[in-house]
Protein backbone atom coordinates (compact mmCIF):
# COMPACT_ATOMS: atom_id res chain seq x y z
CA MET A 1 247.40 61.34 10.24
CA ASP A 2 248.41 57.84 9.43
CA ASP A 3 245.00 56.04 9.83
CA ASN A 4 246.46 52.52 9.18
CA LYS A 5 248.82 53.09 11.82
CA TYR A 6 245.96 53.85 14.27
CA PHE A 7 244.13 51.05 13.03
CA GLU A 8 246.94 48.52 13.81
CA ARG A 9 247.06 50.12 17.40
CA CYS A 10 243.26 49.88 17.78
CA LEU A 11 243.65 46.12 17.18
CA LYS A 12 246.47 45.60 19.57
CA VAL A 13 244.14 47.21 22.13
CA ALA A 14 241.26 45.31 21.38
CA LYS A 15 243.26 42.14 22.08
CA TYR A 16 243.21 42.97 25.81
CA SER A 17 239.38 42.42 25.78
CA LYS A 18 237.94 39.12 26.98
CA CYS A 19 234.65 39.67 25.33
CA LYS A 20 233.38 36.27 23.76
CA LYS A 21 231.18 38.11 21.01
CA LYS A 22 233.56 41.13 19.65
CA ARG A 23 236.53 42.71 20.90
CA VAL A 24 236.80 46.28 20.18
CA GLY A 25 239.84 48.47 20.63
CA ALA A 26 239.43 52.61 20.68
CA ILE A 27 242.09 55.00 20.83
CA ILE A 28 241.79 58.85 20.81
CA VAL A 29 244.31 60.86 18.85
CA LYS A 30 245.08 64.66 19.31
CA ASN A 31 247.57 66.57 17.20
CA ASP A 32 248.81 63.17 16.03
CA THR A 33 249.39 61.82 19.41
CA GLU A 34 247.54 58.92 21.09
CA ILE A 35 246.22 60.47 24.39
CA SER A 36 243.72 57.66 25.55
CA SER A 37 242.79 54.03 24.70
CA GLY A 38 240.24 51.62 25.79
CA TYR A 39 238.66 48.39 25.06
CA ASN A 40 235.25 46.68 26.04
CA ARG A 41 235.03 45.20 29.55
CA PRO A 42 233.16 44.55 32.23
CA ARG A 43 234.19 47.10 35.18
CA TYR A 44 234.48 44.94 38.24
CA VAL A 45 235.25 41.38 36.87
CA ASP A 46 238.10 39.99 34.99
CA GLU A 47 235.73 38.72 32.21
CA CYS A 48 232.11 37.81 31.56
CA VAL A 49 231.23 34.27 32.96
CA ARG A 50 228.24 33.90 30.84
CA CYS A 51 227.48 36.28 27.69
CA LEU A 52 223.94 36.84 27.61
CA ARG A 53 224.35 38.43 24.07
CA LEU A 54 226.48 35.66 22.44
CA ASP A 55 223.79 34.47 20.14
CA THR A 56 222.16 37.78 19.22
CA LYS A 57 222.84 39.41 15.77
CA GLY A 58 224.61 42.65 15.65
CA ALA A 59 224.04 45.42 18.13
CA THR A 60 220.88 43.92 19.19
CA GLU A 61 219.78 43.84 22.82
CA ILE A 62 222.79 46.07 24.07
CA GLU A 63 221.32 46.52 27.38
CA LYS A 64 221.88 42.68 28.25
CA CYS A 65 225.57 43.22 28.16
CA ASN A 66 227.51 44.37 31.42
CA ALA A 67 230.57 45.63 29.59
CA THR A 68 231.45 49.07 29.09
CA HIS A 69 232.17 49.80 25.33
CA ALA A 70 235.72 50.66 24.08
CA GLU A 71 234.50 53.89 22.87
CA GLU A 72 233.08 54.79 26.21
CA VAL A 73 236.25 53.75 28.26
CA SER A 74 238.72 55.63 26.03
CA ILE A 75 236.53 58.80 26.48
CA LEU A 76 235.93 58.57 30.12
CA SER A 77 239.93 57.44 30.74
CA ALA A 78 240.83 60.68 29.00
CA LEU A 79 238.38 62.78 30.80
CA ASN A 80 239.14 61.13 34.21
CA ASP A 81 242.87 62.03 33.60
CA GLY A 82 241.78 65.44 33.01
CA LEU A 83 242.74 65.62 29.23
CA ASP A 84 240.97 68.01 26.67
CA ILE A 85 239.63 65.63 23.84
CA SER A 86 237.83 68.31 22.14
CA GLY A 87 238.55 68.47 18.52
CA ALA A 88 240.34 65.01 18.91
CA THR A 89 239.68 62.03 16.59
CA LEU A 90 238.23 58.74 17.88
CA TYR A 91 239.59 55.54 16.24
CA VAL A 92 237.74 52.15 16.62
CA ALA A 93 238.73 48.66 15.32
CA ALA A 94 237.24 45.23 16.25
CA LEU A 95 238.09 41.64 16.19
CA LYS A 96 235.53 38.67 15.89
CA PRO A 97 235.80 35.08 16.42
CA LYS A 98 236.11 33.08 13.14
CA ASP A 99 237.12 29.45 12.68
CA GLY A 100 238.40 29.47 16.15
CA GLU A 101 240.70 32.56 15.70
CA TRP A 102 239.86 36.23 16.65
CA LYS A 103 240.04 38.06 12.96
CA THR A 104 239.60 41.75 12.05
CA HIS A 105 236.11 42.64 11.74
CA LEU A 106 235.65 45.31 9.09
CA THR A 107 232.62 47.42 9.92
CA GLY A 108 229.91 48.44 7.38
CA GLU A 109 228.41 51.93 7.31
CA ASN A 110 227.30 52.07 10.86
CA PHE A 111 230.02 52.92 13.22
CA SER A 112 228.82 52.30 16.55
CA CYS A 113 225.98 51.64 18.89
CA VAL A 114 223.14 54.15 19.40
CA THR A 115 224.61 54.57 23.15
CA CYS A 116 228.26 55.19 22.04
CA ALA A 117 226.82 57.62 19.34
CA LYS A 118 225.38 59.68 21.94
CA ILE A 119 228.31 59.92 24.29
CA ILE A 120 230.63 60.46 21.49
CA ALA A 121 228.57 63.26 20.09
CA GLU A 122 228.59 64.90 23.51
CA SER A 123 232.37 64.72 24.01
CA ASN A 124 233.41 67.52 21.61
CA LEU A 125 235.39 65.05 19.47
CA GLU A 126 235.82 66.13 15.98
CA PHE A 127 236.22 62.96 13.73
CA VAL A 128 235.35 59.19 14.11
CA VAL A 129 237.29 56.68 12.00
CA THR A 130 236.31 53.15 11.48
CA PHE A 131 237.76 50.61 9.17
CA THR A 132 235.74 49.16 6.31
CA LYS A 133 236.13 46.73 3.40
CA ASN A 134 237.11 49.87 1.51
CA GLY A 135 239.69 51.30 4.01
CA PRO A 136 239.46 53.80 6.79
CA LYS A 137 236.33 55.74 6.99
CA ARG A 138 236.82 59.24 8.41
CA ARG A 139 233.49 61.08 9.38
CA PRO A 140 232.77 64.40 11.23
CA VAL A 141 231.12 63.12 14.54
CA ARG A 142 227.92 64.95 13.67
CA GLU A 143 227.59 62.80 10.51
CA ALA A 144 228.55 59.46 12.25
CA TYR A 145 225.70 60.45 14.82
CA TYR A 146 223.06 60.45 12.42
CA GLU A 147 224.18 57.38 10.69
CA ALA A 148 223.98 55.38 14.16
CA PHE A 149 220.24 56.45 14.36
CA LYS A 150 219.54 56.11 10.70
CA TYR A 151 218.31 52.38 10.83
CA LEU A 152 215.91 53.48 13.74
CA GLU A 153 214.50 56.32 11.84
CA GLN A 154 214.27 58.10 15.43
CA ILE A 155 215.92 61.46 14.51
CA LYS A 156 216.18 63.62 11.24
CA PRO A 157 219.34 65.69 10.86
CA LEU A 158 218.94 69.38 11.68
CA VAL A 159 219.22 71.63 8.51
């Protein structure tokens, strides 16, 4: 699979988002074919009138956001269309505002918020790919799930 090609595709999808804090695009690829995509957005309005999370750091106070995350939208869209996503790969990329423009946001080690981590883990996807300063980072879903919770020290991997 060409991770860089899918990275560019995620960034194009992210541009549809109207989020004021971070624009995220996600695509699901199975057998080297894109089968679903999504971007972060509120469901019943074109865009948020007032962002309640604009001044928060990172993925804090996530419950204040009325948007559905890109990862969730791509998974739910595929399932609503009757597609089998088991064994597929989820690609996620983001844009953040900097100096008045939307720039590529390369993630750190954490791949997603804990809510998305739970949904991804239950979806039977096989891999998650995020894009870091060191290039694409491909991980099995199980590993990514534990990474998302590591900072909370809520769970320990099953041995």
